Amino acid sequence: MGLDIKVQRLPDGRVRLDAKGEITSYTFQGLQEAMDELLSGGERRIILDMSKIDRLTSVGAGLLINAHGMCSSDGGQFVLLSPSGSVRRVLEALGILDMFAISDSL
């Protein structure tokens, strides 16, 4: 399985990334490229919908940590929207779940 990413600009100025699939060492590049493009363009209010993520590895968690750091260092916010149970378990096991703003709805 791969990773599909869709980018949507919301009316309030936030950007929503819808991710579907797995975020692993084999698939993270697509999400990394989307995040790099948004961050280099000055976006700092980013929502990542993780409700359809079946698997997250430490490589993916590292990507999330970096995105969180970039957004929050410039006064923005990086939000995980509806992370799946498997994503929550990985973030809890790594001890970083509380680092993220998590929302179950926009």
PDB file of N, CA and C in Angstrom:
ATOM      1  N   MET A   1       0.840  -1.183   0.000  1.00  0.00           N
ATOM      2  CA  MET A   1       0.000   0.000   0.000  1.00  0.00           C
ATOM      3  C   MET A   1       0.882   1.242   0.000  1.00  0.00           C
ATOM      4  N   GLY A   2       0.418   2.273  -0.645  1.00  0.00           N
ATOM      5  CA  GLY A   2       1.165   3.516  -0.722  1.00  0.00           C
ATOM      6  C   GLY A   2       0.557   4.591   0.156  1.00  0.00           C
ATOM      7  N   LEU A   3       0.761   5.820  -0.248  1.00  0.00           N
ATOM      8  CA  LEU A   3       0.238   6.958   0.486  1.00  0.00           C
ATOM      9  C   LEU A   3      -0.309   7.964  -0.512  1.00  0.00           C
ATOM     10  N   ASP A   4      -1.570   8.321  -0.352  1.00  0.00           N
ATOM     11  CA  ASP A   4      -2.201   9.340  -1.184  1.00  0.00           C
ATOM     12  C   ASP A   4      -2.366  10.603  -0.357  1.00  0.00           C
ATOM     13  N   ILE A   5      -2.035  11.739  -0.946  1.00  0.00           N
ATOM     14  CA  ILE A   5      -2.131  13.028  -0.271  1.00  0.00           C
ATOM     15  C   ILE A   5      -2.952  13.976  -1.130  1.00  0.00           C
ATOM     16  N   LYS A   6      -3.896  14.649  -0.499  1.00  0.00           N
ATOM     17  CA  LYS A   6      -4.670  15.698  -1.174  1.00  0.00           C
ATOM     18  C   LYS A   6      -4.553  16.965  -0.338  1.00  0.00           C
ATOM     19  N   VAL A   7      -4.342  18.091  -1.002  1.00  0.00           N
ATOM     20  CA  VAL A   7      -4.196  19.378  -0.327  1.00  0.00           C
ATOM     21  C   VAL A   7      -5.440  20.213  -0.595  1.00  0.00           C
ATOM     22  N   GLN A   8      -5.971  20.803   0.470  1.00  0.00           N
ATOM     23  CA  GLN A   8      -7.161  21.640   0.343  1.00  0.00           C
ATOM     24  C   GLN A   8      -6.943  22.915   1.154  1.00  0.00           C
ATOM     25  N   ARG A   9      -7.126  24.062   0.506  1.00  0.00           N
ATOM     26  CA  ARG A   9      -7.042  25.344   1.217  1.00  0.00           C
ATOM     27  C   ARG A   9      -8.427  25.680   1.748  1.00  0.00           C
ATOM     28  N   LEU A  10      -8.509  25.910   3.046  1.00  0.00           N
ATOM     29  CA  LEU A  10      -9.784  26.194   3.689  1.00  0.00           C
ATOM     30  C   LEU A  10     -10.067  27.697   3.667  1.00  0.00           C
ATOM     31  N   PRO A  11     -11.339  28.091   3.710  1.00  0.00           N
ATOM     32  CA  PRO A  11     -11.709  29.513   3.646  1.00  0.00           C
ATOM     33  C   PRO A  11     -11.093  30.363   4.765  1.00  0.00           C
ATOM     34  N   ASP A  12     -10.794  29.748   5.903  1.00  0.00           N
ATOM     35  CA  ASP A  12     -10.243  30.524   7.018  1.00  0.00           C
ATOM     36  C   ASP A  12      -8.725  30.682   6.955  1.00  0.00           C
ATOM     37  N   GLY A  13      -8.102  30.231   5.853  1.00  0.00           N
ATOM     38  CA  GLY A  13      -6.671  30.397   5.679  1.00  0.00           C
ATOM     39  C   GLY A  13      -5.838  29.197   6.079  1.00  0.00           C
ATOM     40  N   ARG A  14      -6.456  28.207   6.711  1.00  0.00           N
ATOM     41  CA  ARG A  14      -5.717  26.998   7.058  1.00  0.00           C
ATOM     42  C   ARG A  14      -5.598  26.102   5.826  1.00  0.00           C
ATOM     43  N   VAL A  15      -4.647  25.178   5.897  1.00  0.00           N
ATOM     44  CA  VAL A  15      -4.469  24.196   4.826  1.00  0.00           C
ATOM     45  C   VAL A  15      -4.710  22.816   5.417  1.00  0.00           C
ATOM     46  N   ARG A  16      -5.515  22.039   4.710  1.00  0.00           N
ATOM     47  CA  ARG A  16      -5.819  20.676   5.150  1.00  0.00           C
ATOM     48  C   ARG A  16      -5.153  19.694   4.203  1.00  0.00           C
ATOM     49  N   LEU A  17      -4.430  18.748   4.785  1.00  0.00           N
ATOM     50  CA  LEU A  17      -3.847  17.644   4.029  1.00  0.00           C
ATOM     51  C   LEU A  17      -4.623  16.390   4.390  1.00  0.00           C
ATOM     52  N   ASP A  18      -5.191  15.751   3.403  1.00  0.00           N
ATOM     53  CA  ASP A  18      -5.869  14.475   3.615  1.00  0.00           C
ATOM     54  C   ASP A  18      -4.905  13.379   3.204  1.00  0.00           C
ATOM     55  N   ALA A  19      -4.584  12.511   4.144  1.00  0.00           N
ATOM     56  CA  ALA A  19      -3.648  11.425   3.878  1.00  0.00           C
ATOM     57  C   ALA A  19      -4.379  10.093   3.988  1.00  0.00           C
ATOM     58  N   LYS A  20      -4.050   9.193   3.076  1.00  0.00           N
ATOM     59  CA  LYS A  20      -4.671   7.864   3.080  1.00  0.00           C
ATOM     60  C   LYS A  20      -3.602   6.831   2.773  1.00  0.00           C
ATOM     61  N   GLY A  21      -3.505   5.821   3.628  1.00  0.00           N
ATOM     62  CA  GLY A  21      -2.544   4.749   3.394  1.00  0.00           C
ATOM     63  C   GLY A  21      -1.598   4.574   4.561  1.00  0.00           C
ATOM     64  N   GLU A  22      -0.304   4.453   4.253  1.00  0.00           N
ATOM     65  CA  GLU A  22       0.723   4.205   5.260  1.00  0.00           C
ATOM     66  C   GLU A  22       1.794   5.283   5.183  1.00  0.00           C
ATOM     67  N   ILE A  23       2.317   5.675   6.352  1.00  0.00           N
ATOM     68  CA  ILE A  23       3.450   6.601   6.385  1.00  0.00           C
ATOM     69  C   ILE A  23       4.626   5.806   6.940  1.00  0.00           C
ATOM     70  N   THR A  24       5.449   5.306   6.021  1.00  0.00           N
ATOM     71  CA  THR A  24       6.592   4.457   6.364  1.00  0.00           C
ATOM     72  C   THR A  24       7.826   4.982   5.640  1.00  0.00           C
ATOM     73  N   SER A  25       8.938   4.322   5.833  1.00  0.00           N
ATOM     74  CA  SER A  25      10.175   4.739   5.165  1.00  0.00           C
ATOM     75  C   SER A  25      10.064   4.612   3.643  1.00  0.00           C
ATOM     76  N   TYR A  26       9.109   3.824   3.175  1.00  0.00           N
ATOM     77  CA  TYR A  26       8.923   3.652   1.735  1.00  0.00           C
ATOM     78  C   TYR A  26       7.952   4.665   1.137  1.00  0.00           C
ATOM     79  N   THR A  27       7.109   5.271   1.960  1.00  0.00           N
ATOM     80  CA  THR A  27       6.035   6.114   1.423  1.00  0.00           C
ATOM     81  C   THR A  27       6.045   7.560   1.903  1.00  0.00           C
ATOM     82  N   PHE A  28       6.890   7.886   2.873  1.00  0.00           N
ATOM     83  CA  PHE A  28       6.812   9.202   3.494  1.00  0.00           C
ATOM     84  C   PHE A  28       7.169  10.362   2.563  1.00  0.00           C
ATOM     85  N   GLN A  29       7.872  10.085   1.472  1.00  0.00           N
ATOM     86  CA  GLN A  29       8.358  11.153   0.601  1.00  0.00           C
ATOM     87  C   GLN A  29       7.239  12.035   0.062  1.00  0.00           C
ATOM     88  N   GLY A  30       6.110  11.442  -0.279  1.00  0.00           N
ATOM     89  CA  GLY A  30       4.992  12.236  -0.802  1.00  0.00           C
ATOM     90  C   GLY A  30       4.493  13.241   0.214  1.00  0.00           C
ATOM     91  N   LEU A  31       4.362  12.801   1.467  1.00  0.00           N
ATOM     92  CA  LEU A  31       3.932  13.714   2.520  1.00  0.00           C
ATOM     93  C   LEU A  31       5.020  14.738   2.811  1.00  0.00           C
ATOM     94  N   GLN A  32       6.264  14.306   2.809  1.00  0.00           N
ATOM     95  CA  GLN A  32       7.382  15.221   3.044  1.00  0.00           C
ATOM     96  C   GLN A  32       7.404  16.331   1.993  1.00  0.00           C
ATOM     97  N   GLU A  33       7.225  15.959   0.736  1.00  0.00           N
ATOM     98  CA  GLU A  33       7.221  16.955  -0.343  1.00  0.00           C
ATOM     99  C   GLU A  33       6.062  17.930  -0.197  1.00  0.00           C
ATOM    100  N   ALA A  34       4.877  17.434   0.140  1.00  0.00           N
ATOM    101  CA  ALA A  34       3.716  18.306   0.327  1.00  0.00           C
ATOM    102  C   ALA A  34       3.948  19.263   1.487  1.00  0.00           C
ATOM    103  N   MET A  35       4.490  18.751   2.596  1.00  0.00           N
ATOM    104  CA  MET A  35       4.767  19.598   3.759  1.00  0.00           C
ATOM    105  C   MET A  35       5.844  20.632   3.433  1.00  0.00           C
ATOM    106  N   ASP A  36       6.911  20.208   2.761  1.00  0.00           N
ATOM    107  CA  ASP A  36       7.987  21.138   2.402  1.00  0.00           C
ATOM    108  C   ASP A  36       7.469  22.271   1.527  1.00  0.00           C
ATOM    109  N   GLU A  37       6.615  21.931   0.575  1.00  0.00           N
ATOM    110  CA  GLU A  37       6.055  22.945  -0.316  1.00  0.00           C
ATOM    111  C   GLU A  37       5.217  23.958   0.465  1.00  0.00           C
ATOM    112  N   LEU A  38       4.383  23.458   1.361  1.00  0.00           N
ATOM    113  CA  LEU A  38       3.540  24.357   2.162  1.00  0.00           C
ATOM    114  C   LEU A  38       4.384  25.225   3.086  1.00  0.00           C
ATOM    115  N   LEU A  39       5.331  24.606   3.774  1.00  0.00           N
ATOM    116  CA  LEU A  39       6.150  25.351   4.726  1.00  0.00           C
ATOM    117  C   LEU A  39       7.040  26.368   4.030  1.00  0.00           C
ATOM    118  N   SER A  40       7.618  26.000   2.895  1.00  0.00           N
ATOM    119  CA  SER A  40       8.459  26.960   2.175  1.00  0.00           C
ATOM    120  C   SER A  40       7.630  28.096   1.593  1.00  0.00           C
ATOM    121  N   GLY A  41       6.329  27.855   1.398  1.00  0.00           N
ATOM    122  CA  GLY A  41       5.423  28.898   0.921  1.00  0.00           C
ATOM    123  C   GLY A  41       4.864  29.757   2.039  1.00  0.00           C
ATOM    124  N   GLY A  42       5.302  29.496   3.272  1.00  0.00           N
ATOM    125  CA  GLY A  42       4.886  30.327   4.392  1.00  0.00           C
ATOM    126  C   GLY A  42       3.684  29.830   5.169  1.00  0.00           C
ATOM    127  N   GLU A  43       3.141  28.693   4.788  1.00  0.00           N
ATOM    128  CA  GLU A  43       1.983  28.152   5.516  1.00  0.00           C
ATOM    129  C   GLU A  43       2.425  27.687   6.896  1.00  0.00           C
ATOM    130  N   ARG A  44       1.677  28.076   7.924  1.00  0.00           N
ATOM    131  CA  ARG A  44       1.995  27.656   9.285  1.00  0.00           C
ATOM    132  C   ARG A  44       0.760  27.192  10.047  1.00  0.00           C
ATOM    133  N   ARG A  45      -0.384  27.153   9.376  1.00  0.00           N
ATOM    134  CA  ARG A  45      -1.625  26.650   9.981  1.00  0.00           C
ATOM    135  C   ARG A  45      -2.066  25.452   9.152  1.00  0.00           C
ATOM    136  N   ILE A  46      -1.573  24.282   9.555  1.00  0.00           N
ATOM    137  CA  ILE A  46      -1.742  23.067   8.759  1.00  0.00           C
ATOM    138  C   ILE A  46      -2.482  22.009   9.568  1.00  0.00           C
ATOM    139  N   ILE A  47      -3.458  21.396   8.916  1.00  0.00           N
ATOM    140  CA  ILE A  47      -4.231  20.300   9.501  1.00  0.00           C
ATOM    141  C   ILE A  47      -3.922  19.049   8.687  1.00  0.00           C
ATOM    142  N   LEU A  48      -3.507  18.002   9.360  1.00  0.00           N
ATOM    143  CA  LEU A  48      -3.236  16.730   8.694  1.00  0.00           C
ATOM    144  C   LEU A  48      -4.287  15.722   9.127  1.00  0.00           C
ATOM    145  N   ASP A  49      -5.170  15.370   8.190  1.00  0.00           N
ATOM    146  CA  ASP A  49      -6.213  14.377   8.463  1.00  0.00           C
ATOM    147  C   ASP A  49      -5.567  12.996   8.429  1.00  0.00           C
ATOM    148  N   MET A  50      -5.547  12.329   9.581  1.00  0.00           N
ATOM    149  CA  MET A  50      -4.907  11.019   9.697  1.00  0.00           C
ATOM    150  C   MET A  50      -5.910   9.913   9.977  1.00  0.00           C
ATOM    151  N   SER A  51      -7.174  10.178   9.686  1.00  0.00           N
ATOM    152  CA  SER A  51      -8.209   9.175   9.962  1.00  0.00           C
ATOM    153  C   SER A  51      -8.091   7.950   9.061  1.00  0.00           C
ATOM    154  N   LYS A  52      -7.431   8.109   7.912  1.00  0.00           N
ATOM    155  CA  LYS A  52      -7.308   6.986   6.971  1.00  0.00           C
ATOM    156  C   LYS A  52      -5.870   6.474   6.877  1.00  0.00           C
ATOM    157  N   ILE A  53      -5.089   6.733   7.915  1.00  0.00           N
ATOM    158  CA  ILE A  53      -3.719   6.211   7.957  1.00  0.00           C
ATOM    159  C   ILE A  53      -3.747   4.873   8.685  1.00  0.00           C
ATOM    160  N   ASP A  54      -3.354   3.829   7.968  1.00  0.00           N
ATOM    161  CA  ASP A  54      -3.379   2.475   8.508  1.00  0.00           C
ATOM    162  C   ASP A  54      -2.123   2.131   9.292  1.00  0.00           C
ATOM    163  N   ARG A  55      -1.013   2.794   8.956  1.00  0.00           N
ATOM    164  CA  ARG A  55       0.261   2.436   9.580  1.00  0.00           C
ATOM    165  C   ARG A  55       1.159   3.660   9.626  1.00  0.00           C
ATOM    166  N   LEU A  56       1.806   3.856  10.763  1.00  0.00           N
ATOM    167  CA  LEU A  56       2.763   4.936  10.954  1.00  0.00           C
ATOM    168  C   LEU A  56       4.001   4.340  11.595  1.00  0.00           C
ATOM    169  N   THR A  57       5.159   4.588  10.981  1.00  0.00           N
ATOM    170  CA  THR A  57       6.416   4.118  11.566  1.00  0.00           C
ATOM    171  C   THR A  57       7.161   5.299  12.163  1.00  0.00           C
ATOM    172  N   SER A  58       8.318   5.029  12.748  1.00  0.00           N
ATOM    173  CA  SER A  58       9.100   6.089  13.378  1.00  0.00           C
ATOM    174  C   SER A  58       9.538   7.148  12.370  1.00  0.00           C
ATOM    175  N   VAL A  59       9.743   6.762  11.123  1.00  0.00           N
ATOM    176  CA  VAL A  59      10.091   7.743  10.085  1.00  0.00           C
ATOM    177  C   VAL A  59       8.942   8.739   9.910  1.00  0.00           C
ATOM    178  N   GLY A  60       7.724   8.226   9.858  1.00  0.00           N
ATOM    179  CA  GLY A  60       6.561   9.093   9.758  1.00  0.00           C
ATOM    180  C   GLY A  60       6.389   9.962  10.983  1.00  0.00           C
ATOM    181  N   ALA A  61       6.641   9.392  12.165  1.00  0.00           N
ATOM    182  CA  ALA A  61       6.547  10.170  13.400  1.00  0.00           C
ATOM    183  C   ALA A  61       7.565  11.303  13.391  1.00  0.00           C
ATOM    184  N   GLY A  62       8.750  11.041  12.882  1.00  0.00           N
ATOM    185  CA  GLY A  62       9.771  12.090  12.768  1.00  0.00           C
ATOM    186  C   GLY A  62       9.320  13.214  11.867  1.00  0.00           C
ATOM    187  N   LEU A  63       8.665  12.876  10.786  1.00  0.00           N
ATOM    188  CA  LEU A  63       8.126  13.884   9.876  1.00  0.00           C
ATOM    189  C   LEU A  63       7.091  14.744  10.596  1.00  0.00           C
ATOM    190  N   LEU A  64       6.230  14.125  11.396  1.00  0.00           N
ATOM    191  CA  LEU A  64       5.213  14.865  12.144  1.00  0.00           C
ATOM    192  C   LEU A  64       5.859  15.799  13.161  1.00  0.00           C
ATOM    193  N   ILE A  65       6.903  15.327  13.834  1.00  0.00           N
ATOM    194  CA  ILE A  65       7.609  16.158  14.813  1.00  0.00           C
ATOM    195  C   ILE A  65       8.212  17.380  14.132  1.00  0.00           C
ATOM    196  N   ASN A  66       8.839  17.176  12.982  1.00  0.00           N
ATOM    197  CA  ASN A  66       9.441  18.300  12.252  1.00  0.00           C
ATOM    198  C   ASN A  66       8.390  19.308  11.815  1.00  0.00           C
ATOM    199  N   ALA A  67       7.265  18.830  11.302  1.00  0.00           N
ATOM    200  CA  ALA A  67       6.193  19.727  10.862  1.00  0.00           C
ATOM    201  C   ALA A  67       5.650  20.522  12.045  1.00  0.00           C
ATOM    202  N   HIS A  68       5.462  19.850  13.169  1.00  0.00           N
ATOM    203  CA  HIS A  68       4.995  20.521  14.385  1.00  0.00           C
ATOM    204  C   HIS A  68       5.976  21.635  14.781  1.00  0.00           C
ATOM    205  N   GLY A  69       7.252  21.313  14.766  1.00  0.00           N
ATOM    206  CA  GLY A  69       8.272  22.293  15.147  1.00  0.00           C
ATOM    207  C   GLY A  69       8.303  23.497  14.232  1.00  0.00           C
ATOM    208  N   MET A  70       8.215  23.256  12.934  1.00  0.00           N
ATOM    209  CA  MET A  70       8.241  24.359  11.956  1.00  0.00           C
ATOM    210  C   MET A  70       7.026  25.263  12.129  1.00  0.00           C
ATOM    211  N   CYS A  71       5.869  24.676  12.290  1.00  0.00           N
ATOM    212  CA  CYS A  71       4.648  25.481  12.421  1.00  0.00           C
ATOM    213  C   CYS A  71       4.643  26.268  13.725  1.00  0.00           C
ATOM    214  N   SER A  72       4.947  25.606  14.829  1.00  0.00           N
ATOM    215  CA  SER A  72       4.842  26.272  16.124  1.00  0.00           C
ATOM    216  C   SER A  72       5.946  27.296  16.340  1.00  0.00           C
ATOM    217  N   SER A  73       7.111  27.119  15.713  1.00  0.00           N
ATOM    218  CA  SER A  73       8.199  28.089  15.908  1.00  0.00           C
ATOM    219  C   SER A  73       7.866  29.434  15.275  1.00  0.00           C
ATOM    220  N   ASP A  74       6.961  29.461  14.325  1.00  0.00           N
ATOM    221  CA  ASP A  74       6.564  30.704  13.664  1.00  0.00           C
ATOM    222  C   ASP A  74       5.169  31.155  14.081  1.00  0.00           C
ATOM    223  N   GLY A  75       4.681  30.667  15.222  1.00  0.00           N
ATOM    224  CA  GLY A  75       3.388  31.105  15.733  1.00  0.00           C
ATOM    225  C   GLY A  75       2.184  30.435  15.103  1.00  0.00           C
ATOM    226  N   GLY A  76       2.414  29.386  14.334  1.00  0.00           N
ATOM    227  CA  GLY A  76       1.308  28.674  13.705  1.00  0.00           C
ATOM    228  C   GLY A  76       0.887  27.478  14.532  1.00  0.00           C
ATOM    229  N   GLN A  77       0.185  26.579  13.883  1.00  0.00           N
ATOM    230  CA  GLN A  77      -0.258  25.376  14.574  1.00  0.00           C
ATOM    231  C   GLN A  77      -0.358  24.223  13.582  1.00  0.00           C
ATOM    232  N   PHE A  78       0.117  23.073  14.011  1.00  0.00           N
ATOM    233  CA  PHE A  78       0.038  21.841  13.243  1.00  0.00           C
ATOM    234  C   PHE A  78      -0.910  20.915  14.000  1.00  0.00           C
ATOM    235  N   VAL A  79      -2.032  20.585  13.365  1.00  0.00           N
ATOM    236  CA  VAL A  79      -3.081  19.807  14.014  1.00  0.00           C
ATOM    237  C   VAL A  79      -3.221  18.442  13.347  1.00  0.00           C
ATOM    238  N   LEU A  80      -3.311  17.401  14.161  1.00  0.00           N
ATOM    239  CA  LEU A  80      -3.628  16.071  13.649  1.00  0.00           C
ATOM    240  C   LEU A  80      -5.135  15.901  13.785  1.00  0.00           C
ATOM    241  N   LEU A  81      -5.785  15.680  12.659  1.00  0.00           N
ATOM    242  CA  LEU A  81      -7.234  15.528  12.631  1.00  0.00           C
ATOM    243  C   LEU A  81      -7.599  14.053  12.662  1.00  0.00           C
ATOM    244  N   SER A  82      -8.344  13.655  13.666  1.00  0.00           N
ATOM    245  CA  SER A  82      -8.884  12.296  13.797  1.00  0.00           C
ATOM    246  C   SER A  82      -7.859  11.194  13.532  1.00  0.00           C
ATOM    247  N   PRO A  83      -6.724  11.203  14.249  1.00  0.00           N
ATOM    248  CA  PRO A  83      -5.761  10.126  14.006  1.00  0.00           C
ATOM    249  C   PRO A  83      -6.375   8.761  14.304  1.00  0.00           C
ATOM    250  N   SER A  84      -6.091   7.811  13.441  1.00  0.00           N
ATOM    251  CA  SER A  84      -6.623   6.455  13.615  1.00  0.00           C
ATOM    252  C   SER A  84      -6.055   5.834  14.892  1.00  0.00           C
ATOM    253  N   GLY A  85      -6.665   4.754  15.333  1.00  0.00           N
ATOM    254  CA  GLY A  85      -6.205   4.061  16.530  1.00  0.00           C
ATOM    255  C   GLY A  85      -4.763   3.621  16.421  1.00  0.00           C
ATOM    256  N   SER A  86      -4.366   3.122  15.250  1.00  0.00           N
ATOM    257  CA  SER A  86      -2.978   2.655  15.093  1.00  0.00           C
ATOM    258  C   SER A  86      -1.999   3.824  15.165  1.00  0.00           C
ATOM    259  N   VAL A  87      -2.373   4.975  14.646  1.00  0.00           N
ATOM    260  CA  VAL A  87      -1.511   6.158  14.727  1.00  0.00           C
ATOM    261  C   VAL A  87      -1.381   6.604  16.183  1.00  0.00           C
ATOM    262  N   ARG A  88      -2.496   6.649  16.881  1.00  0.00           N
ATOM    263  CA  ARG A  88      -2.467   7.046  18.305  1.00  0.00           C
ATOM    264  C   ARG A  88      -1.575   6.107  19.112  1.00  0.00           C
ATOM    265  N   ARG A  89      -1.670   4.816  18.856  1.00  0.00           N
ATOM    266  CA  ARG A  89      -0.862   3.843  19.600  1.00  0.00           C
ATOM    267  C   ARG A  89       0.630   4.065  19.365  1.00  0.00           C
ATOM    268  N   VAL A  90       1.015   4.339  18.126  1.00  0.00           N
ATOM    269  CA  VAL A  90       2.433   4.581  17.821  1.00  0.00           C
ATOM    270  C   VAL A  90       2.914   5.852  18.514  1.00  0.00           C
ATOM    271  N   LEU A  91       2.127   6.925  18.421  1.00  0.00           N
ATOM    272  CA  LEU A  91       2.523   8.189  19.048  1.00  0.00           C
ATOM    273  C   LEU A  91       2.587   8.052  20.567  1.00  0.00           C
ATOM    274  N   GLU A  92       1.670   7.280  21.146  1.00  0.00           N
ATOM    275  CA  GLU A  92       1.703   7.020  22.594  1.00  0.00           C
ATOM    276  C   GLU A  92       2.939   6.212  22.961  1.00  0.00           C
ATOM    277  N   ALA A  93       3.242   5.174  22.185  1.00  0.00           N
ATOM    278  CA  ALA A  93       4.394   4.323  22.470  1.00  0.00           C
ATOM    279  C   ALA A  93       5.702   5.110  22.396  1.00  0.00           C
ATOM    280  N   LEU A  94       5.753   6.088  21.495  1.00  0.00           N
ATOM    281  CA  LEU A  94       6.950   6.924  21.368  1.00  0.00           C
ATOM    282  C   LEU A  94       6.981   8.038  22.407  1.00  0.00           C
ATOM    283  N   GLY A  95       5.890   8.206  23.143  1.00  0.00           N
ATOM    284  CA  GLY A  95       5.825   9.234  24.171  1.00  0.00           C
ATOM    285  C   GLY A  95       5.641  10.642  23.635  1.00  0.00           C
ATOM    286  N   ILE A  96       5.073  10.761  22.433  1.00  0.00           N
ATOM    287  CA  ILE A  96       4.947  12.091  21.812  1.00  0.00           C
ATOM    288  C   ILE A  96       3.510  12.482  21.484  1.00  0.00           C
ATOM    289  N   LEU A  97       2.548  11.684  21.877  1.00  0.00           N
ATOM    290  CA  LEU A  97       1.155  11.999  21.544  1.00  0.00           C
ATOM    291  C   LEU A  97       0.757  13.371  22.079  1.00  0.00           C
ATOM    292  N   ASP A  98       1.167  13.685  23.305  1.00  0.00           N
ATOM    293  CA  ASP A  98       0.772  14.952  23.929  1.00  0.00           C
ATOM    294  C   ASP A  98       1.433  16.171  23.287  1.00  0.00           C
ATOM    295  N   MET A  99       2.426  15.962  22.448  1.00  0.00           N
ATOM    296  CA  MET A  99       3.087  17.064  21.762  1.00  0.00           C
ATOM    297  C   MET A  99       2.149  17.743  20.752  1.00  0.00           C
ATOM    298  N   PHE A 100       1.231  16.977  20.215  1.00  0.00           N
ATOM    299  CA  PHE A 100       0.420  17.448  19.104  1.00  0.00           C
ATOM    300  C   PHE A 100      -0.955  17.970  19.533  1.00  0.00           C
ATOM    301  N   ALA A 101      -1.411  18.973  18.805  1.00  0.00           N
ATOM    302  CA  ALA A 101      -2.811  19.397  18.915  1.00  0.00           C
ATOM    303  C   ALA A 101      -3.599  18.354  18.129  1.00  0.00           C
ATOM    304  N   ILE A 102      -4.600  17.770  18.764  1.00  0.00           N
ATOM    305  CA  ILE A 102      -5.407  16.734  18.116  1.00  0.00           C
ATOM    306  C   ILE A 102      -6.855  17.167  18.167  1.00  0.00           C
ATOM    307  N   SER A 103      -7.528  17.032  17.032  1.00  0.00           N
ATOM    308  CA  SER A 103      -8.940  17.406  16.956  1.00  0.00           C
ATOM    309  C   SER A 103      -9.696  16.285  16.251  1.00  0.00           C
ATOM    310  N   ASP A 104     -10.948  16.108  16.646  1.00  0.00           N
ATOM    311  CA  ASP A 104     -11.784  15.115  15.987  1.00  0.00           C
ATOM    312  C   ASP A 104     -12.701  15.744  14.943  1.00  0.00           C
ATOM    313  N   SER A 105     -12.635  17.070  14.805  1.00  0.00           N
ATOM    314  CA  SER A 105     -13.413  17.756  13.768  1.00  0.00           C
ATOM    315  C   SER A 105     -12.734  19.069  13.410  1.00  0.00           C
ATOM    316  N   LEU A 106     -13.069  19.586  12.245  1.00  0.00           N
ATOM    317  CA  LEU A 106     -12.498  20.876  11.838  1.00  0.00           C
ATOM    318  C   LEU A 106     -13.044  21.973  12.731  1.00  0.00           C
TER     319      LEU A 106
END
